[in-house]
Amino acid sequence: MPTGSGIPFEKSDPPFVTLTTCSITRARPPGNPTFLLEGEYAMKELLPRSFYNLLSFNGIPHTFVFNFTNPEHAAFKEMAGLRKVSSFTGYVIVKEASSNEIWELHLKVSRERTNIFGYLIRASEVRRFVQINASTILAGRRLPLVLDLDDTLVRMIGTEEGRYVPPAQAMLVPDRVRPLADGRKVVLTERVEEFLQWASKYYDISVCSVGDQAYVDQVISVLDPSRSIIRGVGYSARAEYMHIQGTSMPKRPPKDLESLFVYPTRARDVLFTGALVEAMIVDDNVHMWPLEQQDSIIVVREQRNAKVWNVQLFPHVQSVLNIIHGEFFKQLDQWDMRSGALGPSTCQIYKEYLRNELARRIADPVAGSGRENSVHQQQNPLNSLGSPAPPSGLPAHIVQAAISTPVLGGKVMSPMIGAFTLPDD
């Protein structure tokens, strides 16, 4: 089995890996198809753990058990290392003898890394499962929302150096201190329970943290004891983070939306019909996420001059999420799939919101300004945002295009949240 393009490969790796069948747990899939047995198969790509979860949720059992003949091959190390229960599955294309039906054999490394499980399924069935995911969440008029934990919703209390709340400071806000099951304590950001209660009406909330799974579960239990608000995934990317640190590319981001769930997105929209689903993210660190997902991040920062650590979720984070949700479903209700036009995109709506906010701020008069300081304003267009002004003004055609862009849905915009590219503290 040669590895295809995009599969991890090292110079010392053999170009072929032999998969020796240990057992066949199900002689034939439903319909009793006959398959063409080829001498070699190319592994197409590595898919995130959520694809395996998708098969498991829909009751697809493994068909084959293979011996793990070359666990040191880079591709299989990546499959096993990015999640302790093998977060990634590779798949190969299998052809049916009597038709043009395409099947996929998904390969998943066992927990002990001694075997590889093979899940044989029609490619059309995989797409159907993903389509159902999208239809279900949109039918409930909700969108996916992923929240970071540390330095976004909570901060640990401790005396260690780094991002901890000193115990003396925590005593100033006893109503925001919560004990965890393991004896540690965290400080909640202000009004976080109120924010989660509000967001759960419009979003399916998941959590993703680089903390270990026990920590993630404990914090979720504090934020939502009945688990009626955070109904999505509570995901720890700790194993991915630790694996990546030991590879030749240690700066790769450990978090990935597709590790949490699978929805039709613009990256694979040719395979699906209907509306696409893109998650929004709230996090203080954009570099934890792949570059192609960073435009969907609402970047939060610690409140300035606060006596105790805090992140203000109201009004700005709540406001922009409210606007994105309202505008998405407004556009969805007006969208004609038969027109060939792309459906609504939460990411594009978010970008449009930020463009309008910048345009509005550029157009707003600055207090005390007049004709005599108009040149000064042009040289410092971002001073009112509290950020350093760029060395030169924006090109005239970009400024004009931003100013001429209509406000979304005629809504009055709240103050801008911030740019994606702010450096991490």
Protein backbone atom coordinates (compact mmCIF):
# COMPACT_ATOMS: atom_id res chain seq x y z
CA MET A 1 0.00 0.00 0.00
CA PRO A 2 1.88 3.12 -1.17
CA THR A 3 1.10 6.37 0.57
CA GLY A 4 -0.53 9.12 -1.48
CA SER A 5 0.27 12.80 -1.69
CA GLY A 6 -0.17 14.71 1.53
CA ILE A 7 0.57 11.65 3.68
CA PRO A 8 3.50 12.00 6.14
CA PHE A 9 6.55 10.33 4.66
CA GLU A 10 10.17 10.17 5.77
CA LYS A 11 13.20 9.21 3.68
CA SER A 12 13.71 6.08 5.74
CA ASP A 13 10.12 4.92 5.17
CA PRO A 14 9.55 2.14 2.62
CA PRO A 15 7.37 3.22 -0.35
CA PHE A 16 5.01 0.32 0.32
CA VAL A 17 3.46 -1.03 3.52
CA THR A 18 1.99 -4.51 3.62
CA LEU A 19 -1.31 -4.95 5.43
CA THR A 20 -1.71 -8.55 6.52
CA THR A 21 -5.28 -9.54 7.34
CA CYS A 22 -5.60 -10.92 10.84
CA SER A 23 -9.34 -11.52 10.76
CA ILE A 24 -12.52 -10.64 8.88
CA THR A 25 -15.34 -9.87 11.25
CA ARG A 26 -18.04 -9.52 8.63
CA ALA A 27 -17.81 -11.55 5.42
CA ARG A 28 -19.70 -9.09 3.25
CA PRO A 29 -21.26 -5.66 3.73
CA PRO A 30 -25.02 -5.24 3.14
CA GLY A 31 -25.98 -6.07 -0.42
CA ASN A 32 -23.27 -8.74 -0.72
CA PRO A 33 -21.15 -6.81 -3.23
CA THR A 34 -18.14 -8.33 -4.96
CA PHE A 35 -14.95 -6.27 -4.88
CA LEU A 36 -12.01 -6.08 -7.25
CA LEU A 37 -8.88 -7.08 -5.37
CA GLU A 38 -5.95 -5.00 -6.57
CA GLY A 39 -2.29 -5.58 -5.94
CA GLU A 40 -1.79 -2.24 -4.28
CA TYR A 41 -3.84 0.63 -2.90
CA ALA A 42 -2.92 4.24 -2.30
CA MET A 43 -3.88 5.82 1.01
CA LYS A 44 -5.71 8.97 -0.08
CA GLU A 45 -5.42 11.19 2.97
CA LEU A 46 -5.54 11.27 6.75
CA LEU A 47 -8.94 12.20 8.11
CA PRO A 48 -9.61 13.60 11.58
CA ARG A 49 -11.01 11.55 14.42
CA SER A 50 -14.49 12.93 13.85
CA PHE A 51 -14.83 10.73 10.74
CA TYR A 52 -14.28 7.64 12.88
CA ASN A 53 -16.80 9.00 15.40
CA LEU A 54 -19.22 9.49 12.52
CA LEU A 55 -18.93 5.82 11.53
CA SER A 56 -19.24 4.70 15.14
CA PHE A 57 -22.29 6.90 15.80
CA ASN A 58 -24.03 5.41 12.76
CA GLY A 59 -23.29 1.85 13.86
CA ILE A 60 -20.70 0.95 11.21
CA PRO A 61 -18.56 -1.91 12.61
CA HIS A 62 -15.06 -2.71 11.44
CA THR A 63 -14.85 -5.32 8.69
CA PHE A 64 -11.15 -6.22 8.87
CA VAL A 65 -8.43 -6.47 11.48
CA PHE A 66 -4.92 -6.06 10.07
CA ASN A 67 -1.60 -6.71 11.75
CA PHE A 68 0.36 -3.53 12.47
CA THR A 69 3.37 -4.53 10.36
CA ASN A 70 5.22 -1.21 10.31
CA PRO A 71 4.29 0.99 13.27
CA GLU A 72 7.34 3.22 12.71
CA HIS A 73 6.18 4.39 9.30
CA ALA A 74 5.55 8.16 9.47
CA ALA A 75 1.99 7.82 8.19
CA PHE A 76 1.00 5.30 10.85
CA LYS A 77 2.83 7.19 13.60
CA GLU A 78 0.80 10.24 12.62
CA MET A 79 -2.42 8.24 12.65
CA ALA A 80 -1.70 6.88 16.11
CA GLY A 81 0.06 9.86 17.65
CA LEU A 82 -2.38 12.65 16.94
CA ARG A 83 -4.83 11.07 19.37
CA LYS A 84 -4.32 8.34 21.94
CA VAL A 85 -7.24 6.43 20.41
CA SER A 86 -5.93 7.20 16.92
CA SER A 87 -7.53 10.47 16.05
CA PHE A 88 -6.88 10.13 12.38
CA THR A 89 -8.07 7.52 9.93
CA GLY A 90 -6.58 6.99 6.53
CA TYR A 91 -8.71 5.61 3.77
CA VAL A 92 -8.24 3.90 0.42
CA ILE A 93 -10.59 3.59 -2.54
CA VAL A 94 -12.08 0.13 -3.21
CA LYS A 95 -13.97 -0.63 -6.44
CA GLU A 96 -17.01 -2.83 -6.74
CA ALA A 97 -16.84 -5.45 -9.51
CA SER A 98 -20.34 -5.20 -10.98
CA SER A 99 -20.95 -1.42 -10.77
CA ASN A 100 -19.32 1.99 -10.62
CA GLU A 101 -19.96 2.21 -6.88
CA ILE A 102 -17.00 3.55 -4.94
CA TRP A 103 -16.25 2.21 -1.49
CA GLU A 104 -13.83 3.51 1.13
CA LEU A 105 -11.76 1.40 3.49
CA HIS A 106 -11.07 3.54 6.56
CA LEU A 107 -8.06 2.48 8.61
CA LYS A 108 -7.89 3.16 12.33
CA VAL A 109 -4.95 2.27 14.56
CA SER A 110 -5.91 0.39 17.74
CA ARG A 111 -5.36 1.92 21.16
CA GLU A 112 -2.46 -0.45 21.84
CA ARG A 113 -0.95 0.22 18.37
CA THR A 114 -0.81 -3.51 17.68
CA ASN A 115 -3.51 -3.73 14.98
CA ILE A 116 -5.31 -1.64 12.41
CA PHE A 117 -9.08 -1.83 12.07
CA GLY A 118 -10.61 -1.54 8.61
CA TYR A 119 -14.07 -0.03 8.12
CA LEU A 120 -15.50 -0.75 4.67
CA ILE A 121 -18.30 1.60 3.65
CA ARG A 122 -19.79 3.13 0.52
CA ALA A 123 -18.42 6.63 -0.15
CA SER A 124 -21.99 7.79 -0.73
CA GLU A 125 -22.93 6.62 2.75
CA VAL A 126 -20.18 8.70 4.35
CA ARG A 127 -21.43 11.78 2.50
CA ARG A 128 -25.00 10.99 3.53
CA PHE A 129 -24.01 10.83 7.20
CA VAL A 130 -22.26 14.20 6.93
CA GLN A 131 -25.28 15.68 5.14
CA ILE A 132 -27.56 14.48 7.94
CA ASN A 133 -25.33 16.21 10.49
CA ALA A 134 -25.75 19.50 8.64
CA SER A 135 -29.49 19.13 8.12
CA THR A 136 -30.06 18.32 11.78
CA ILE A 137 -28.26 21.34 13.23
CA LEU A 138 -29.72 23.79 10.68
CA ALA A 139 -33.23 22.45 11.19
CA GLY A 140 -32.88 23.48 14.83
CA ARG A 141 -31.86 27.01 13.73
CA ARG A 142 -28.50 26.60 15.40
CA LEU A 143 -24.86 26.91 14.36
CA PRO A 144 -21.79 25.20 15.85
CA LEU A 145 -19.75 27.25 18.35
CA VAL A 146 -16.43 26.12 19.85
CA LEU A 147 -15.14 27.77 23.02
CA ASP A 148 -11.65 27.69 24.44
CA LEU A 149 -11.32 27.26 28.21
CA ASP A 150 -8.08 28.68 29.67
CA ASP A 151 -7.81 32.47 29.44
CA THR A 152 -11.16 32.59 27.66
CA LEU A 153 -13.79 31.24 30.06
CA VAL A 154 -11.63 30.37 33.09
CA ARG A 155 -8.17 30.83 34.54
CA MET A 156 -6.50 28.55 37.06
CA ILE A 157 -5.69 29.80 40.56
CA GLY A 158 -2.07 29.18 41.53
CA THR A 159 1.23 30.63 42.66
CA GLU A 160 3.22 29.36 39.68
CA GLU A 161 4.64 31.72 37.10
CA GLY A 162 2.58 32.20 33.98
CA ARG A 163 -1.11 32.57 33.45
CA TYR A 164 -2.46 31.96 36.93
CA VAL A 165 -4.61 34.04 39.23
CA PRO A 166 -2.76 34.55 42.54
CA PRO A 167 -4.82 33.28 45.51
CA ALA A 168 -4.85 36.75 47.08
CA GLN A 169 -6.45 38.20 43.96
CA ALA A 170 -8.96 35.37 43.73
CA MET A 171 -10.19 36.27 47.22
CA LEU A 172 -11.41 39.59 45.79
CA VAL A 173 -13.99 37.78 43.62
CA PRO A 174 -15.23 34.84 45.72
CA ASP A 175 -18.43 34.61 43.67
CA ARG A 176 -16.36 33.75 40.58
CA VAL A 177 -14.19 31.06 42.21
CA ARG A 178 -15.13 27.42 41.58
CA PRO A 179 -13.46 24.24 42.92
CA LEU A 180 -12.66 21.40 40.53
CA ALA A 181 -13.11 17.75 41.42
CA ASP A 182 -9.35 17.24 41.78
CA GLY A 183 -9.02 20.02 44.38
CA ARG A 184 -7.73 22.76 42.11
CA LYS A 185 -9.67 25.98 41.70
CA VAL A 186 -10.46 28.26 38.79
CA VAL A 187 -11.72 31.82 38.40
CA LEU A 188 -14.61 32.19 35.98
CA THR A 189 -14.82 35.17 33.71
CA GLU A 190 -17.66 37.54 34.59
CA ARG A 191 -21.18 36.48 33.54
CA VAL A 192 -19.92 33.33 31.85
CA GLU A 193 -22.95 31.27 32.93
CA GLU A 194 -25.25 33.96 31.57
CA PHE A 195 -23.32 33.99 28.31
CA LEU A 196 -23.50 30.20 27.94
CA GLN A 197 -27.21 30.21 28.69
CA TRP A 198 -27.78 32.81 25.99
CA ALA A 199 -25.50 31.16 23.41
CA SER A 200 -27.14 27.75 23.86
CA LYS A 201 -30.35 29.15 22.35
CA TYR A 202 -28.64 29.86 19.03
CA TYR A 203 -25.56 27.63 18.92
CA ASP A 204 -24.56 24.05 19.63
CA ILE A 205 -21.72 24.69 22.07
CA SER A 206 -18.57 22.57 22.15
CA VAL A 207 -15.36 23.06 24.09
CA CYS A 208 -11.78 22.53 22.89
CA SER A 209 -8.73 22.90 25.13
CA VAL A 210 -5.09 21.84 25.23
CA GLY A 211 -5.68 20.79 28.83
CA ASP A 212 -6.00 17.06 29.41
CA GLN A 213 -9.37 15.33 29.13
CA ALA A 214 -9.88 15.08 32.89
CA TYR A 215 -9.39 18.84 33.22
CA VAL A 216 -11.78 19.56 30.33
CA ASP A 217 -14.45 17.35 31.86
CA GLN A 218 -14.07 18.96 35.29
CA VAL A 219 -14.36 22.51 33.94
CA ILE A 220 -17.42 21.58 31.90
CA SER A 221 -18.98 20.12 35.06
CA VAL A 222 -18.43 23.44 36.79
CA LEU A 223 -19.78 25.55 33.93
CA ASP A 224 -22.71 23.27 33.12
CA PRO A 225 -23.36 20.66 35.84
CA SER A 226 -26.45 19.24 34.08
CA ARG A 227 -24.73 19.21 30.66
CA SER A 228 -27.84 20.83 29.20
CA ILE A 229 -26.03 23.88 27.78
CA ILE A 230 -22.71 22.55 26.47
CA ARG A 231 -24.37 19.85 24.40
CA GLY A 232 -21.55 19.38 21.92
CA VAL A 233 -18.09 17.86 22.25
CA GLY A 234 -15.79 18.39 25.22
CA TYR A 235 -12.51 17.88 23.41
CA SER A 236 -8.97 17.73 24.74
CA ALA A 237 -6.25 18.37 22.16
CA ARG A 238 -3.54 17.52 24.71
CA ALA A 239 -2.50 14.29 23.00
CA GLU A 240 -2.20 16.06 19.65
CA TYR A 241 -0.14 18.81 21.27
CA MET A 242 2.25 16.35 22.93
CA HIS A 243 2.64 14.32 19.74
CA ILE A 244 3.36 17.41 17.63
CA GLN A 245 6.05 18.60 20.05
CA GLY A 246 8.02 15.43 19.31
CA THR A 247 7.86 15.74 15.52
CA SER A 248 9.95 17.65 12.99
CA MET A 249 7.19 20.29 12.77
CA PRO A 250 6.54 21.24 16.41
CA LYS A 251 4.75 24.49 15.57
CA ARG A 252 1.76 22.84 13.94
CA PRO A 253 -1.53 23.78 15.61
CA PRO A 254 -2.99 21.03 17.83
CA LYS A 255 -6.61 22.17 17.59
CA ASP A 256 -8.76 21.40 14.57
CA LEU A 257 -12.49 21.87 14.08
CA GLU A 258 -12.70 18.63 12.13
CA SER A 259 -11.43 16.72 15.15
CA LEU A 260 -14.65 17.75 16.92
CA PHE A 261 -17.28 17.21 14.27
CA VAL A 262 -17.85 16.73 10.54
CA TYR A 263 -20.04 19.13 8.57
CA PRO A 264 -20.15 20.04 4.89
CA THR A 265 -17.70 22.93 4.51
CA ARG A 266 -16.29 24.91 1.61
CA ALA A 267 -13.25 22.65 1.64
CA ARG A 268 -15.40 19.74 0.40
CA ASP A 269 -18.55 21.47 -0.89
CA VAL A 270 -18.42 19.67 -4.26
CA LEU A 271 -19.57 16.51 -2.53
CA PHE A 272 -22.68 17.93 -0.88
CA THR A 273 -25.95 19.65 -1.61
CA GLY A 274 -27.74 22.17 0.54
CA ALA A 275 -26.29 24.70 2.93
CA LEU A 276 -22.77 24.39 4.27
CA VAL A 277 -21.98 24.61 7.97
CA GLU A 278 -19.03 26.53 9.42
CA ALA A 279 -18.32 26.76 13.13
CA MET A 280 -17.44 29.96 14.96
CA ILE A 281 -14.62 29.87 17.53
CA VAL A 282 -13.97 32.00 20.62
CA ASP A 283 -10.33 31.76 21.71
CA ASP A 284 -7.48 33.94 22.96
CA ASN A 285 -4.85 32.22 20.79
CA VAL A 286 -5.32 31.99 17.01
CA HIS A 287 -2.14 29.96 16.55
CA MET A 288 -3.71 26.93 18.19
CA TRP A 289 -5.87 26.50 15.07
CA PRO A 290 -5.05 25.76 11.41
CA LEU A 291 -4.55 28.81 9.22
CA GLU A 292 -7.64 28.08 7.15
CA GLN A 293 -9.82 28.16 10.30
CA GLN A 294 -8.41 31.31 11.86
CA ASP A 295 -10.79 33.66 10.03
CA SER A 296 -13.63 32.14 12.07
CA ILE A 297 -12.06 33.03 15.43
CA ILE A 298 -13.41 35.78 17.66
CA VAL A 299 -10.22 36.74 19.46
CA VAL A 300 -10.64 37.67 23.12
CA ARG A 301 -8.18 39.48 25.36
CA GLU A 302 -7.86 40.00 29.08
CA GLN A 303 -9.71 43.08 30.31
CA ARG A 304 -7.34 46.00 30.74
CA ASN A 305 -6.80 47.44 34.22
CA ALA A 306 -8.97 44.78 35.87
CA LYS A 307 -7.99 44.01 39.47
CA VAL A 308 -8.60 40.32 38.80
CA TRP A 309 -8.29 38.49 35.48
CA ASN A 310 -11.41 38.83 33.36
CA VAL A 311 -12.61 38.50 29.76
CA GLN A 312 -15.64 40.57 28.79
CA LEU A 313 -18.08 38.35 26.92
CA PHE A 314 -20.72 41.06 27.05
CA PRO A 315 -21.49 43.10 25.06
CA HIS A 316 -19.10 42.52 22.16
CA VAL A 317 -18.69 38.73 21.86
CA GLN A 318 -22.38 38.19 22.49
CA SER A 319 -23.31 40.93 20.05
CA VAL A 320 -21.28 39.66 17.12
CA LEU A 321 -22.44 36.07 17.63
CA ASN A 322 -26.01 37.34 17.67
CA ILE A 323 -25.47 39.25 14.42
CA ILE A 324 -23.78 36.29 12.71
CA HIS A 325 -26.58 33.92 13.69
CA GLY A 326 -29.35 36.30 12.60
CA GLU A 327 -27.70 37.20 9.29
CA PHE A 328 -26.87 33.55 8.46
CA PHE A 329 -30.44 32.32 8.80
CA LYS A 330 -31.80 35.43 7.10
CA GLN A 331 -29.62 34.65 4.09
CA LEU A 332 -30.40 30.93 4.33
CA ASP A 333 -34.14 31.60 4.19
CA GLN A 334 -33.65 33.72 1.07
CA TRP A 335 -31.17 31.40 -0.65
CA ASP A 336 -32.27 29.42 -3.69
CA MET A 337 -30.04 26.36 -3.95
CA ARG A 338 -31.06 25.89 -7.60
CA SER A 339 -29.59 29.26 -8.56
CA GLY A 340 -26.08 27.89 -8.37
CA ALA A 341 -25.04 30.66 -5.98
CA LEU A 342 -23.09 29.71 -2.87
CA GLY A 343 -25.12 29.53 0.29
CA PRO A 344 -24.50 31.74 3.35
CA SER A 345 -21.17 31.56 5.16
CA THR A 346 -20.67 32.46 8.82
CA CYS A 347 -17.04 33.24 8.10
CA GLN A 348 -17.94 35.68 5.32
CA ILE A 349 -20.59 37.30 7.49
CA TYR A 350 -18.01 37.76 10.26
CA LYS A 351 -15.52 39.32 7.83
CA GLU A 352 -18.21 41.65 6.50
CA TYR A 353 -19.05 42.66 10.05
CA LEU A 354 -15.42 43.57 10.76
CA ARG A 355 -15.10 45.50 7.49
CA ASN A 356 -18.19 47.51 8.33
CA GLU A 357 -16.95 48.20 11.83
CA LEU A 358 -13.66 49.56 10.49
CA ALA A 359 -15.48 51.61 7.85
CA ARG A 360 -17.78 53.07 10.49
CA ARG A 361 -14.88 54.00 12.71
CA ILE A 362 -13.04 55.62 9.83
CA ALA A 363 -16.15 57.64 9.02
CA ASP A 364 -16.91 58.64 12.65
CA PRO A 365 -15.62 62.09 13.62
CA VAL A 366 -12.89 62.13 16.23
CA ALA A 367 -13.57 64.33 19.27
CA GLY A 368 -11.88 67.70 18.91
CA SER A 369 -11.07 67.13 15.27
CA GLY A 370 -11.36 69.82 12.64
CA ARG A 371 -9.92 70.93 9.38
CA GLU A 372 -6.61 71.75 11.02
CA ASN A 373 -5.91 68.18 12.10
CA SER A 374 -7.39 66.26 9.15
CA VAL A 375 -3.89 65.29 7.98
CA HIS A 376 -3.14 63.91 11.43
CA GLN A 377 -6.30 61.77 11.24
CA GLN A 378 -5.30 60.33 7.89
CA GLN A 379 -1.90 59.37 9.25
CA ASN A 380 -3.39 57.70 12.33
CA PRO A 381 -6.66 56.07 11.19
CA LEU A 382 -6.60 53.39 13.85
CA ASN A 383 -5.80 55.50 16.92
CA SER A 384 -9.45 55.44 18.01
CA LEU A 385 -9.27 51.63 18.11
CA GLY A 386 -6.59 51.78 20.76
CA SER A 387 -4.05 50.13 18.45
CA PRO A 388 -0.78 51.50 17.04
CA ALA A 389 -1.28 53.36 13.76
CA PRO A 390 0.31 51.82 10.68
CA PRO A 391 3.31 53.56 9.13
CA SER A 392 1.17 54.80 6.23
CA GLY A 393 -2.54 55.18 5.43
CA LEU A 394 -4.63 52.53 3.74
CA PRO A 395 -4.81 52.75 -0.06
CA ALA A 396 -7.62 55.05 -1.15
CA HIS A 397 -9.50 52.38 -3.13
CA ILE A 398 -9.57 50.03 -0.10
CA VAL A 399 -10.83 52.78 2.23
CA GLN A 400 -13.50 53.81 -0.27
CA ALA A 401 -14.64 50.22 -0.80
CA ALA A 402 -14.95 49.69 2.94
CA ILE A 403 -16.91 52.92 3.47
CA SER A 404 -19.32 52.12 0.62
CA THR A 405 -20.10 48.63 1.97
CA PRO A 406 -23.67 48.57 3.36
CA VAL A 407 -24.30 47.77 6.99
CA LEU A 408 -25.49 44.18 7.50
CA GLY A 409 -29.25 44.03 7.55
CA GLY A 410 -29.46 47.69 8.54
CA LYS A 411 -28.32 46.79 12.03
CA VAL A 412 -26.41 49.23 14.19
CA MET A 413 -23.03 47.67 14.84
CA SER A 414 -21.47 47.43 18.26
CA PRO A 415 -17.80 48.47 18.83
CA MET A 416 -15.27 46.31 17.05
CA ILE A 417 -14.02 43.24 18.87
CA GLY A 418 -10.51 43.16 17.47
CA ALA A 419 -8.37 41.90 14.62
CA PHE A 420 -7.42 38.28 14.02
CA THR A 421 -3.71 39.03 13.80
CA LEU A 422 -3.04 40.46 17.23
CA PRO A 423 0.07 38.85 18.73
CA ASP A 424 -0.41 36.50 21.64
CA ASP A 425 0.53 37.76 25.08
